[in-house]
Amino acid sequence: MKWKCSACGYIHDGDSAPDFCPRCGAPKEKFEKIAADIEQIMDRSKKTNQLHMDLTHMMTKVLEIAEAGTEDNLDPGCLNVFQKAKKAAWEIRQMSKAEITVHINKQKWG
């Protein structure tokens, strides 16, 4: 079962709501049981959400590498590759972050 704190949005997994919210300290009464259909969506989306987070992290690393290569500026061909990598990594990272936001807004997170 999943429970949502109505004060802060914290999601708790368990047979019952916690006595107090670990995030904001709200009492047990502030927790609402999440409907079974929403719970299934949340559980189903865990893998994809983690993949988006991993991809976002990897693109941040690509951005760092591309920036270092741009600063090194060995020759025009290298600079071209690093600039393209930077642009592509930025766009992919932003798309994944936007998709995570969509999932959160559709309750595909928890």
Protein backbone atom coordinates (compact mmCIF):
# COMPACT_ATOMS: atom_id res chain seq x y z
CA MET A 1 0.00 0.00 0.00
CA LYS A 2 1.04 3.57 -0.59
CA TRP A 3 0.16 6.60 1.52
CA LYS A 4 0.58 10.26 0.61
CA CYS A 5 1.15 13.07 3.08
CA SER A 6 -1.37 15.77 2.22
CA ALA A 7 0.88 18.40 3.79
CA CYS A 8 4.04 17.86 1.72
CA GLY A 9 3.40 15.08 -0.84
CA TYR A 10 5.76 12.51 0.72
CA ILE A 11 4.92 8.95 -0.43
CA HIS A 12 5.11 6.15 2.15
CA ASP A 13 5.10 2.43 1.32
CA GLY A 14 3.62 0.22 4.05
CA ASP A 15 0.56 -1.48 5.47
CA SER A 16 -0.38 1.73 7.28
CA ALA A 17 0.64 5.36 7.30
CA PRO A 18 3.57 6.30 9.56
CA ASP A 19 2.84 8.01 12.87
CA PHE A 20 4.58 11.14 11.56
CA CYS A 21 5.73 12.19 8.11
CA PRO A 22 9.50 11.66 7.81
CA ARG A 23 9.76 14.75 5.62
CA CYS A 24 7.61 17.40 7.30
CA GLY A 25 6.55 15.86 10.64
CA ALA A 26 2.82 15.97 9.90
CA PRO A 27 0.76 13.53 11.99
CA LYS A 28 -0.61 10.23 10.70
CA GLU A 29 -4.02 11.82 10.11
CA LYS A 30 -2.54 13.89 7.26
CA PHE A 31 -1.83 10.74 5.22
CA GLU A 32 -4.26 9.55 2.58
CA LYS A 33 -4.28 6.09 1.07
CA ILE A 34 -3.41 6.18 -2.60
CA ALA A 35 -5.97 4.51 -4.88
CA ALA A 36 -5.00 1.08 -6.22
CA ASP A 37 -5.01 2.19 -9.87
CA ILE A 38 -2.68 5.12 -9.10
CA GLU A 39 -0.48 2.83 -7.02
CA GLN A 40 -0.12 0.48 -10.01
CA ILE A 41 0.90 3.39 -12.25
CA MET A 42 3.48 4.49 -9.66
CA ASP A 43 4.94 1.01 -9.36
CA ARG A 44 5.00 0.55 -13.13
CA SER A 45 6.81 3.83 -13.71
CA LYS A 46 9.67 3.26 -11.23
CA LYS A 47 11.95 1.65 -13.80
CA THR A 48 11.47 4.32 -16.46
CA ASN A 49 11.85 7.14 -13.93
CA GLN A 50 15.14 5.65 -12.75
CA LEU A 51 16.30 5.31 -16.35
CA HIS A 52 15.52 9.00 -16.94
CA MET A 53 17.45 9.93 -13.81
CA ASP A 54 20.42 7.80 -14.91
CA LEU A 55 20.31 9.35 -18.39
CA THR A 56 20.18 12.85 -16.91
CA HIS A 57 23.22 12.04 -14.78
CA MET A 58 25.11 10.63 -17.77
CA MET A 59 24.32 13.66 -19.91
CA THR A 60 25.71 15.89 -17.15
CA LYS A 61 28.95 13.91 -17.40
CA VAL A 62 28.95 14.27 -21.20
CA LEU A 63 28.50 18.04 -20.75
CA GLU A 64 31.53 18.15 -18.43
CA ILE A 65 33.65 16.15 -20.89
CA ALA A 66 32.50 18.27 -23.84
CA GLU A 67 33.32 21.45 -21.94
CA ALA A 68 36.82 20.16 -21.13
CA GLY A 69 37.33 19.24 -24.80
CA THR A 70 36.11 22.66 -25.90
CA GLU A 71 38.53 24.36 -23.51
CA ASP A 72 41.39 22.15 -24.75
CA ASN A 73 40.59 23.20 -28.34
CA LEU A 74 43.22 20.99 -29.98
CA ASP A 75 41.99 21.56 -33.52
CA PRO A 76 38.81 22.53 -35.41
CA GLY A 77 37.69 18.92 -35.88
CA CYS A 78 37.91 18.16 -32.14
CA LEU A 79 36.20 21.43 -31.25
CA ASN A 80 33.34 20.59 -33.64
CA VAL A 81 32.82 17.16 -32.01
CA PHE A 82 32.84 18.56 -28.48
CA GLN A 83 30.47 21.41 -29.35
CA LYS A 84 28.02 18.98 -30.97
CA ALA A 85 28.27 16.64 -27.98
CA LYS A 86 27.56 19.53 -25.63
CA LYS A 87 24.47 20.61 -27.60
CA ALA A 88 23.10 17.07 -27.86
CA ALA A 89 23.75 16.25 -24.19
CA TRP A 90 22.06 19.47 -23.08
CA GLU A 91 18.96 18.74 -25.17
CA ILE A 92 18.69 15.10 -24.05
CA ARG A 93 19.15 16.05 -20.39
CA GLN A 94 16.49 18.74 -20.65
CA MET A 95 14.06 16.34 -22.39
CA SER A 96 14.54 13.71 -19.68
CA LYS A 97 14.02 16.27 -16.93
CA ALA A 98 10.84 17.45 -18.66
CA GLU A 99 9.61 13.86 -18.96
CA ILE A 100 10.21 13.28 -15.25
CA THR A 101 8.13 16.41 -14.56
CA VAL A 102 5.33 15.03 -16.75
CA HIS A 103 5.45 11.75 -14.81
CA ILE A 104 5.27 13.55 -11.47
CA ASN A 105 2.29 15.62 -12.66
CA LYS A 106 0.52 12.43 -13.83
CA GLN A 107 1.22 10.67 -10.48
CA LYS A 108 3.67 8.32 -12.19
CA TRP A 109 6.11 8.82 -9.33
CA GLY A 110 6.29 7.54 -5.82
